[in-house]
Protein backbone atom coordinates (compact mmCIF):
# COMPACT_ATOMS: atom_id res chain seq x y z
CA MET A 1 -0.08 -0.10 -0.25
CA HIS A 2 0.99 3.59 -0.63
CA THR A 3 2.42 5.89 1.82
CA THR A 4 3.68 9.28 1.64
CA SER A 5 5.95 9.76 4.63
CA GLY A 6 9.12 11.29 4.39
CA ASN A 7 10.54 10.62 0.56
CA SER A 8 9.17 7.30 0.24
CA PHE A 9 6.00 7.56 -2.06
CA GLN A 10 4.91 4.53 -3.57
CA LEU A 11 2.97 3.55 -6.60
CA ASP A 12 0.19 0.88 -5.29
CA SER A 13 1.37 -2.70 -6.70
CA ASP A 14 -1.89 -2.66 -8.89
CA GLY A 15 -1.54 0.85 -10.36
CA ILE A 16 -0.29 1.98 -13.81
CA ASP A 17 3.05 3.96 -14.11
CA PRO A 18 2.58 7.27 -14.45
CA ASN A 19 4.89 7.42 -17.16
CA LEU A 20 3.22 5.29 -19.17
CA ILE A 21 -0.17 7.14 -19.16
CA PRO A 22 -0.67 8.76 -23.10
CA LYS A 23 -0.37 12.47 -22.95
CA LYS A 24 -1.74 15.22 -25.04
CA LYS A 25 0.36 18.08 -26.14
CA LEU A 26 -0.10 21.47 -26.15
CA TYR A 27 0.60 24.19 -28.48
CA THR A 28 3.31 25.37 -26.19
CA GLY A 29 4.75 21.90 -26.29
CA SER A 30 3.43 20.97 -22.54
CA GLU A 31 2.33 17.55 -22.25
CA ILE A 32 -1.20 16.78 -20.64
CA PRO A 33 -1.74 13.63 -19.13
CA CYS A 34 -5.15 12.40 -21.09
CA ILE A 35 -6.83 11.32 -18.08
CA GLY A 36 -7.29 13.30 -14.84
CA LEU A 37 -9.14 13.11 -11.43
CA GLY A 38 -12.28 15.50 -11.29
CA THR A 39 -12.54 17.05 -7.71
CA PHE A 40 -16.35 18.46 -8.04
CA GLY A 41 -18.02 16.62 -5.55
CA SER A 42 -21.33 17.89 -6.54
CA ASP A 43 -22.25 19.22 -3.05
CA LYS A 44 -22.52 15.93 -1.31
CA ILE A 45 -19.04 14.78 -1.12
CA SER A 46 -16.85 16.16 1.69
CA GLY A 47 -13.76 18.57 0.91
CA GLY A 48 -11.64 15.61 3.31
CA LYS A 49 -12.86 12.97 1.41
CA VAL A 50 -12.13 14.37 -1.83
CA ALA A 51 -8.57 14.90 -0.39
CA ASP A 52 -8.00 11.38 0.48
CA ALA A 53 -9.56 10.23 -3.12
CA VAL A 54 -6.64 12.77 -4.52
CA LYS A 55 -3.89 10.84 -2.69
CA GLY A 56 -5.45 7.38 -3.65
CA ALA A 57 -5.70 8.44 -7.58
CA ALA A 58 -2.12 9.56 -7.09
CA ALA A 59 -0.89 6.15 -5.68
CA VAL A 60 -2.77 4.39 -8.74
CA GLY A 61 -1.18 6.41 -11.24
CA TYR A 62 -2.76 10.02 -11.84
CA ARG A 63 -0.56 12.89 -11.92
CA HIS A 64 -3.85 15.25 -13.40
CA PHE A 65 -6.38 16.85 -10.81
CA ASP A 66 -8.68 19.47 -12.23
CA CYS A 67 -9.78 21.67 -9.05
CA ALA A 68 -11.72 25.02 -9.04
CA SER A 69 -12.24 27.43 -6.02
CA VAL A 70 -16.02 27.22 -6.09
CA TYR A 71 -15.46 23.74 -5.15
CA ALA A 72 -14.97 24.92 -1.62
CA ASN A 73 -12.22 22.17 -1.24
CA GLU A 74 -9.17 23.05 -2.50
CA HIS A 75 -7.59 23.79 1.25
CA PHE A 76 -7.98 20.06 1.36
CA ILE A 77 -6.69 19.40 -1.90
CA GLY A 78 -3.55 21.39 -0.89
CA ASP A 79 -2.98 18.96 2.28
CA SER A 80 -2.78 16.18 0.03
CA LEU A 81 -0.67 17.46 -2.64
CA GLN A 82 1.70 18.61 -0.26
CA ASP A 83 1.96 15.36 1.43
CA LEU A 84 2.39 13.78 -2.47
CA ILE A 85 5.18 15.78 -3.02
CA ARG A 86 6.90 16.01 0.39
CA GLY A 87 6.87 12.03 -0.31
CA GLY A 88 8.67 12.38 -3.36
CA ILE A 89 6.40 12.95 -6.27
CA GLN A 90 8.36 15.97 -8.26
CA ARG A 91 5.80 18.94 -8.76
CA GLU A 92 6.53 19.09 -12.56
CA ASP A 93 5.20 15.81 -12.47
CA LEU A 94 1.64 17.30 -11.65
CA TRP A 95 -0.55 18.87 -13.60
CA ILE A 96 -2.79 21.20 -12.03
CA THR A 97 -5.54 22.77 -12.67
CA SER A 98 -7.83 25.31 -11.07
CA LYS A 99 -10.53 27.97 -12.24
CA LEU A 100 -11.81 31.60 -11.85
CA TRP A 101 -15.23 31.77 -10.62
CA ASN A 102 -17.95 34.15 -11.49
CA ASP A 103 -17.81 36.64 -9.05
CA LYS A 104 -14.56 37.34 -9.64
CA HIS A 105 -14.57 38.25 -13.36
CA GLY A 106 -12.81 41.95 -13.79
CA LYS A 107 -9.60 43.43 -13.78
CA ASP A 108 -9.68 43.59 -9.89
CA ASP A 109 -10.50 39.86 -8.73
CA VAL A 110 -8.52 37.65 -10.94
CA ILE A 111 -5.00 37.90 -9.55
CA PRO A 112 -5.83 37.81 -6.13
CA SER A 113 -8.64 34.75 -6.96
CA CYS A 114 -5.68 32.86 -8.35
CA GLU A 115 -3.15 33.53 -5.44
CA LYS A 116 -6.26 32.43 -3.01
CA SER A 117 -6.32 28.78 -4.96
CA LEU A 118 -2.69 28.68 -4.71
CA LYS A 119 -2.40 29.41 -1.20
CA ASP A 120 -5.24 26.76 -0.69
CA LEU A 121 -3.63 24.23 -3.03
CA LYS A 122 -0.17 25.08 -1.33
CA LEU A 123 1.77 25.24 -4.63
CA ASN A 124 3.97 28.11 -6.47
CA TYR A 125 1.90 27.87 -9.64
CA LEU A 126 -1.03 26.30 -11.71
CA ASP A 127 -0.41 23.95 -14.74
CA LEU A 128 -3.79 25.48 -16.00
CA TYR A 129 -5.99 28.30 -15.25
CA LEU A 130 -9.48 28.31 -16.66
CA ILE A 131 -12.51 31.04 -16.60
CA HIS A 132 -14.82 28.86 -15.35
CA TRP A 133 -17.98 30.04 -16.86
CA PRO A 134 -18.02 33.02 -19.37
CA PHE A 135 -20.98 34.81 -17.11
CA PRO A 136 -20.15 36.73 -14.40
CA ASN A 137 -22.80 35.74 -12.59
CA TYR A 138 -23.19 34.60 -9.08
CA HIS A 139 -25.41 31.96 -7.63
CA PRO A 140 -25.43 30.77 -3.89
CA PRO A 141 -24.00 27.00 -3.27
CA GLY A 142 -26.55 24.43 -3.24
CA CYS A 143 -29.39 26.96 -4.81
CA ASP A 144 -32.13 25.45 -7.30
CA VAL A 145 -32.72 25.38 -10.68
CA THR A 146 -35.08 28.76 -10.36
CA SER A 147 -32.36 30.67 -8.56
CA ARG A 148 -31.43 34.02 -10.22
CA SER A 149 -29.17 37.16 -9.34
CA SER A 150 -30.31 40.17 -9.58
CA HIS A 151 -27.10 41.53 -10.72
CA ALA A 152 -26.47 38.82 -13.58
CA LYS A 153 -25.50 40.06 -16.82
CA PRO A 154 -24.79 38.38 -20.21
CA TYR A 155 -21.85 37.66 -22.43
CA ILE A 156 -20.46 41.14 -23.07
CA HIS A 157 -17.42 40.47 -24.87
CA GLU A 158 -15.51 43.86 -23.93
CA ASN A 159 -15.66 42.86 -20.22
CA PHE A 160 -14.77 38.81 -20.74
CA MET A 161 -11.46 40.60 -22.62
CA LYS A 162 -10.84 42.75 -19.34
CA THR A 163 -10.92 39.43 -17.19
CA TRP A 164 -8.93 37.62 -19.83
CA ARG A 165 -6.23 40.21 -19.80
CA GLN A 166 -5.36 39.36 -16.20
CA MET A 167 -5.56 35.86 -17.05
CA GLU A 168 -2.51 36.85 -19.18
CA LYS A 169 -1.02 38.80 -16.48
CA LEU A 170 -1.08 35.35 -14.62
CA VAL A 171 1.11 33.97 -16.97
CA ASP A 172 3.69 36.97 -17.38
CA MET A 173 4.05 36.45 -13.53
CA LYS A 174 4.59 32.83 -13.61
CA LEU A 175 1.75 32.18 -11.22
CA VAL A 176 0.27 29.84 -13.80
CA LYS A 177 1.85 27.97 -16.87
CA HIS A 178 -1.47 27.95 -19.41
CA ILE A 179 -4.77 29.86 -19.51
CA GLY A 180 -8.11 28.50 -20.79
CA THR A 181 -11.48 28.91 -21.08
CA SER A 182 -14.63 26.50 -19.95
CA ASN A 183 -18.16 26.43 -21.21
CA MET A 184 -17.74 28.37 -24.17
CA THR A 185 -19.37 28.43 -27.56
CA ILE A 186 -17.98 29.02 -30.85
CA PRO A 187 -18.98 32.44 -31.34
CA LYS A 188 -17.32 33.78 -28.04
CA LEU A 189 -14.63 31.76 -28.44
CA SER A 190 -14.04 33.06 -32.09
CA ARG A 191 -14.00 36.25 -30.62
CA VAL A 192 -11.20 35.28 -27.84
CA LEU A 193 -9.03 33.54 -30.43
CA ARG A 194 -9.49 37.06 -32.33
CA ASP A 195 -8.54 39.33 -29.51
CA ALA A 196 -6.16 37.31 -26.77
CA LYS A 197 -2.24 38.26 -26.80
CA ILE A 198 -2.12 34.40 -25.26
CA LYS A 199 -4.72 32.14 -26.55
CA PRO A 200 -6.51 29.50 -24.76
CA ALA A 201 -4.37 26.20 -24.31
CA CYS A 202 -7.18 24.42 -23.17
CA ASN A 203 -11.26 24.57 -23.11
CA GLU A 204 -12.84 22.57 -20.84
CA MET A 205 -16.74 21.40 -21.66
CA GLU A 206 -19.44 18.83 -21.56
CA LEU A 207 -18.50 15.62 -23.71
CA HIS A 208 -19.89 12.50 -23.39
CA PRO A 209 -21.56 9.73 -25.95
CA HIS A 210 -24.95 11.55 -25.61
CA PHE A 211 -23.64 14.93 -25.86
CA GLN A 212 -20.13 14.96 -28.34
CA GLN A 213 -20.92 18.70 -29.63
CA PRO A 214 -18.85 17.85 -32.79
CA GLU A 215 -19.02 21.49 -33.98
CA LEU A 216 -17.35 22.67 -30.93
CA PHE A 217 -14.83 19.90 -30.62
CA LYS A 218 -13.65 20.24 -34.57
CA PHE A 219 -13.70 24.31 -33.93
CA VAL A 220 -11.28 24.03 -30.61
CA VAL A 221 -9.12 20.91 -32.05
CA ASP A 222 -8.71 22.78 -35.44
CA ASN A 223 -7.42 25.98 -33.54
CA GLU A 224 -4.95 23.99 -31.43
CA ILE A 225 -6.73 24.30 -28.14
CA VAL A 226 -7.02 20.54 -26.22
CA PRO A 227 -10.50 19.79 -25.35
CA ILE A 228 -11.09 18.90 -21.65
CA GLY A 229 -14.09 17.12 -21.42
CA TYR A 230 -16.34 17.13 -17.87
CA SER A 231 -19.30 14.70 -17.02
CA PRO A 232 -17.44 12.19 -19.36
CA LEU A 233 -19.82 9.26 -17.75
CA GLY A 234 -22.93 11.45 -18.47
CA SER A 235 -22.87 12.90 -14.49
CA PRO A 236 -24.92 10.42 -13.02
CA ASN A 237 -24.35 12.14 -9.95
CA ARG A 238 -24.83 16.01 -11.12
CA PRO A 239 -26.95 18.30 -8.82
CA GLU A 240 -30.43 17.68 -8.98
CA ARG A 241 -30.80 21.31 -10.04
CA ASP A 242 -29.81 20.37 -13.64
CA ARG A 243 -31.90 17.25 -14.26
CA THR A 244 -34.68 17.32 -16.16
CA PRO A 245 -36.98 14.75 -17.45
CA ASP A 246 -35.69 14.46 -21.06
CA ASP A 247 -31.96 13.44 -20.16
CA THR A 248 -30.49 10.34 -21.11
CA VAL A 249 -28.04 7.93 -19.79
CA ASP A 250 -25.27 7.26 -22.03
CA THR A 251 -24.14 3.93 -19.73
CA ALA A 252 -27.74 2.46 -20.40
CA ASP A 253 -27.52 2.93 -24.52
CA PRO A 254 -27.42 -0.14 -26.22
CA VAL A 255 -24.44 0.23 -27.87
CA ILE A 256 -22.61 1.18 -25.07
CA VAL A 257 -23.66 -1.63 -23.42
CA GLU A 258 -23.46 -4.09 -25.82
CA ILE A 259 -19.54 -2.80 -26.43
CA ALA A 260 -19.08 -3.31 -22.57
CA ALA A 261 -20.32 -6.97 -22.79
CA ARG A 262 -18.18 -8.03 -25.24
CA LEU A 263 -15.05 -6.29 -23.71
CA ASN A 264 -16.27 -7.69 -20.18
CA ILE A 265 -15.58 -4.01 -18.48
CA HIS A 266 -18.09 -1.77 -16.99
CA PRO A 267 -20.06 0.87 -19.82
CA ALA A 268 -18.59 3.65 -17.99
CA LEU A 269 -15.34 2.40 -18.88
CA VAL A 270 -16.48 2.19 -22.73
CA CYS A 271 -17.24 5.79 -22.09
CA LEU A 272 -13.57 6.69 -21.25
CA LYS A 273 -12.23 4.84 -23.76
CA TRP A 274 -13.67 6.51 -26.76
CA ALA A 275 -13.35 9.83 -25.04
CA VAL A 276 -9.33 9.38 -24.74
CA GLN A 277 -9.41 7.77 -28.27
CA ARG A 278 -11.47 10.86 -29.74
CA GLY A 279 -9.04 12.56 -28.67
CA GLN A 280 -10.67 14.95 -25.78
CA ILE A 281 -8.89 14.27 -22.18
CA PRO A 282 -12.18 13.23 -19.90
CA ILE A 283 -11.62 14.37 -15.98
CA PRO A 284 -14.11 11.55 -14.18
CA PHE A 285 -14.89 12.00 -10.30
CA SER A 286 -14.49 9.36 -7.74
CA THR A 287 -13.92 8.62 -4.64
CA ASP A 288 -14.22 5.08 -5.07
CA ARG A 289 -10.94 3.31 -5.49
CA ASN A 290 -11.90 0.58 -7.73
CA HIS A 291 -14.06 3.26 -9.76
CA TYR A 292 -10.93 5.45 -10.23
CA LEU A 293 -8.25 2.21 -10.47
CA GLY A 294 -10.64 1.05 -13.32
CA ASN A 295 -10.79 4.71 -15.11
CA ILE A 296 -7.01 4.76 -15.26
CA LYS A 297 -6.28 1.33 -16.36
CA CYS A 298 -8.93 1.35 -19.33
CA VAL A 299 -6.87 3.95 -21.08
CA MET A 300 -4.17 1.49 -21.33
CA ASP A 301 -6.15 -1.52 -22.29
CA PRO A 302 -6.52 -2.26 -26.42
CA PRO A 303 -8.55 0.11 -28.02
CA LEU A 304 -11.86 0.24 -29.32
CA THR A 305 -12.19 -0.55 -32.63
CA ASP A 306 -13.14 1.76 -35.83
CA ASP A 307 -16.32 -0.06 -35.96
CA GLU A 308 -17.17 0.77 -32.33
CA MET A 309 -15.95 4.35 -32.55
CA GLN A 310 -18.24 4.72 -35.22
CA ALA A 311 -21.04 3.28 -33.38
CA ILE A 312 -20.96 5.34 -30.69
CA LYS A 313 -20.35 8.75 -32.81
CA SER A 314 -23.94 7.73 -34.19
CA ILE A 315 -25.42 7.96 -30.81
CA ASP A 316 -25.18 11.77 -30.32
CA LYS A 317 -28.24 13.04 -28.96
CA ASN A 318 -26.97 16.45 -28.41
CA CYS A 319 -28.27 15.86 -24.75
CA ARG A 320 -26.57 18.89 -22.77
CA LEU A 321 -27.19 17.92 -19.10
CA ILE A 322 -25.17 20.79 -17.23
CA LYS A 323 -27.61 23.58 -18.56
CA GLY A 324 -26.64 26.40 -16.50
CA GLN A 325 -30.44 27.77 -15.60
CA VAL A 326 -28.80 29.94 -12.62
CA PHE A 327 -26.69 31.87 -14.78
CA LEU A 328 -29.33 33.14 -17.25
CA TRP A 329 -29.91 37.24 -16.73
CA LYS A 330 -33.54 38.05 -16.99
CA ALA A 331 -36.98 36.68 -16.62
CA ASN A 332 -38.59 34.37 -19.23
CA GLN A 333 -35.18 32.99 -20.67
CA ASN A 334 -34.74 29.65 -21.77
CA TRP A 335 -31.40 27.75 -20.64
CA GLN A 336 -30.05 27.64 -24.53
CA ASP A 337 -30.00 31.56 -24.43
CA LEU A 338 -26.88 30.35 -22.58
CA TRP A 339 -25.40 28.39 -25.21
CA ASP A 340 -25.61 30.62 -28.86
CA VAL A 341 -27.63 27.67 -30.33
CA ASP A 342 -28.34 29.97 -33.36
CA GLY A 343 -24.86 30.81 -34.05
CA LYS A 344 -25.01 34.26 -32.76
CA ILE A 345 -24.01 35.40 -28.93
CA THR A 346 -27.43 35.92 -27.24
CA PRO A 347 -27.82 39.20 -27.19
CA PRO A 348 -28.70 41.50 -23.40
């Protein structure tokens, strides 16, 4: 079993050598592991339990951890990261992401917010810092789907770029190595690429077999931005506010189930294998050792066949699960107004 006291960190005997985990190269030349551990406990998992999962995941081979200030557990995770580093894992062998929350947009709050995440994570730098959502709209933790901020605003590109300029400063200050976006659309991202001095290295987005976002995925890849896919298993533990009667279940899809039966693996692992082979970086969350060990092992197993990849491509249902209703900025709006479904940024 692993230990992290002194310089004695040891990989668990059934873990995967991190050096063998495939990596994706960013436009900067840096490399990011092809699978990470998400740390969003969905308002249900304690920070301490998530922090224990970080250490456990490191012991089976994970080196990529996806964090965010709004998850309210970075100070717990920081203790785990310190234990790992004290135990002998080199800081440069870890890939740590964090994210700027919506109430910290603008020129005054970005740098202090990043510094707070660094302090909580007990790190000198982040490998990647993302703008979590393009909307500067706060909502209280645990709120229901009808919650709206009286100060909510739409996406205003000039304001977003003020935030982006501060993100670029973080790179200049060497507090972060890469910056990126999350929950973006092609119209919004096109404008950022046009105006950025430092372009996004990654875009984090919802990606799973029933929500493949082929147009955005192609746009991101064509612009040398690495796609990171959240909810890669269809987010079975997502907050209640994100659930609607029309939602579908990826792991129950007959195509996924049939492939899983042939390979004698859980359908969730088919979703992860598909994600990595397609070219996105999945970041599944789990605090269960059997689950996160199985998740990292499956990317090392023989790949899906071309026919299987094509079959999964055919089951896209355009089923967005994380709809973001709490970020709407005026009455009588539909959640689709957040996502520029007609190819244009929704006006104020």
